[in-house]
Amino acid sequence: MTASSLEEFAQAIDFPDRIGIALVDISGFDRRIWDCCEQLRSHEIPFLILSPKQSAVIQQESLSHGARSILIKPLAVRQLLSLVHSLLGEPA
């Protein structure tokens, strides 16, 4: 399932039982993205933040809103797969 707008994101979160894990790319979104992250946290959906740059502010915001980890783009596929397996409780 994908969401390319805050509205689509909010609609997807309306069906939390269909979401095992979320990858949230914050590129192009304003501060309202953190409200969506809070909704993920309230539904106990684990999520990772994908960020376009290394930033202490983004890291702090991400973790304070419930992100399990932050990945900096471009992604290392092995790192991403390892984190996803870990969050889903599966062996890598």
Protein backbone atom coordinates (compact mmCIF):
# COMPACT_ATOMS: atom_id res chain seq x y z
CA MET A 1 0.00 0.00 0.00
CA THR A 2 1.36 3.43 -0.83
CA ALA A 3 0.36 6.95 0.08
CA SER A 4 1.73 9.99 -1.69
CA SER A 5 -0.22 12.63 0.20
CA LEU A 6 -1.16 13.29 3.81
CA GLU A 7 -4.78 12.52 2.92
CA GLU A 8 -3.88 9.12 1.46
CA PHE A 9 -1.67 8.44 4.48
CA ALA A 10 -4.56 9.21 6.86
CA GLN A 11 -6.89 6.96 4.85
CA ALA A 12 -4.39 4.08 4.97
CA ILE A 13 -4.08 4.42 8.74
CA ASP A 14 -7.86 4.03 9.00
CA PHE A 15 -7.22 0.30 8.35
CA PRO A 16 -4.42 -0.43 10.86
CA ASP A 17 -5.01 -4.19 10.74
CA ARG A 18 -3.79 -4.15 7.11
CA ILE A 19 -0.44 -2.58 8.04
CA GLY A 20 2.38 -4.69 9.49
CA ILE A 21 5.07 -2.05 9.18
CA ALA A 22 5.30 1.40 7.60
CA LEU A 23 8.16 3.03 5.73
CA VAL A 24 7.61 6.77 5.91
CA ASP A 25 9.59 8.87 3.43
CA ILE A 26 9.37 12.39 4.84
CA SER A 27 10.69 14.02 1.65
CA GLY A 28 8.32 16.68 0.39
CA PHE A 29 6.05 16.68 3.45
CA ASP A 30 5.58 19.47 5.94
CA ARG A 31 5.38 19.14 9.74
CA ARG A 32 1.96 17.50 9.49
CA ILE A 33 3.73 14.25 8.62
CA TRP A 34 4.49 13.91 12.34
CA ASP A 35 0.74 13.81 13.09
CA CYS A 36 0.49 10.77 10.81
CA CYS A 37 3.45 9.22 12.59
CA GLU A 38 1.66 9.76 15.90
CA GLN A 39 -1.34 7.90 14.49
CA LEU A 40 0.92 5.00 13.52
CA ARG A 41 2.30 4.97 17.05
CA SER A 42 -1.18 5.05 18.61
CA HIS A 43 -2.14 2.00 16.50
CA GLU A 44 1.13 0.32 17.58
CA ILE A 45 2.31 0.03 13.98
CA PRO A 46 6.11 -0.06 13.83
CA PHE A 47 7.57 2.40 11.35
CA LEU A 48 10.86 3.57 9.90
CA ILE A 49 11.58 7.08 8.70
CA LEU A 50 13.34 7.56 5.37
CA SER A 51 15.14 10.90 5.30
CA PRO A 52 16.83 12.72 2.45
CA LYS A 53 19.68 13.85 4.71
CA GLN A 54 21.40 13.19 8.00
CA SER A 55 20.01 15.62 10.55
CA ALA A 56 19.94 15.65 14.34
CA VAL A 57 16.62 17.54 14.24
CA ILE A 58 15.00 14.96 11.94
CA GLN A 59 16.38 12.15 14.07
CA GLN A 60 15.00 13.73 17.26
CA GLU A 61 11.58 14.41 15.68
CA SER A 62 11.40 10.90 14.24
CA LEU A 63 12.20 9.13 17.48
CA SER A 64 10.01 11.41 19.58
CA HIS A 65 7.04 10.56 17.32
CA GLY A 66 7.60 6.82 17.60
CA ALA A 67 9.90 5.83 14.74
CA ARG A 68 11.90 2.69 15.39
CA SER A 69 14.80 3.88 13.25
CA ILE A 70 15.82 6.46 10.66
CA LEU A 71 17.38 5.55 7.34
CA ILE A 72 19.18 8.07 5.16
CA LYS A 73 18.66 7.97 1.40
CA PRO A 74 20.04 6.51 -0.74
CA LEU A 75 19.23 3.28 1.08
CA ALA A 76 21.42 0.28 1.54
CA VAL A 77 19.01 -2.52 0.61
CA ARG A 78 20.54 -5.01 3.04
CA GLN A 79 20.19 -2.55 5.91
CA LEU A 80 16.56 -1.88 5.02
CA LEU A 81 15.68 -5.57 4.73
CA SER A 82 17.43 -6.36 7.98
CA LEU A 83 15.49 -3.66 9.84
CA VAL A 84 12.17 -4.72 8.32
CA HIS A 85 12.74 -8.37 9.27
CA SER A 86 13.74 -7.29 12.76
CA LEU A 87 10.63 -5.17 13.23
CA LEU A 88 8.42 -7.98 11.99
CA GLY A 89 10.11 -10.43 14.35
CA GLU A 90 11.42 -12.55 11.50
CA PRO A 91 14.92 -13.95 11.01
CA ALA A 92 16.95 -11.90 8.52
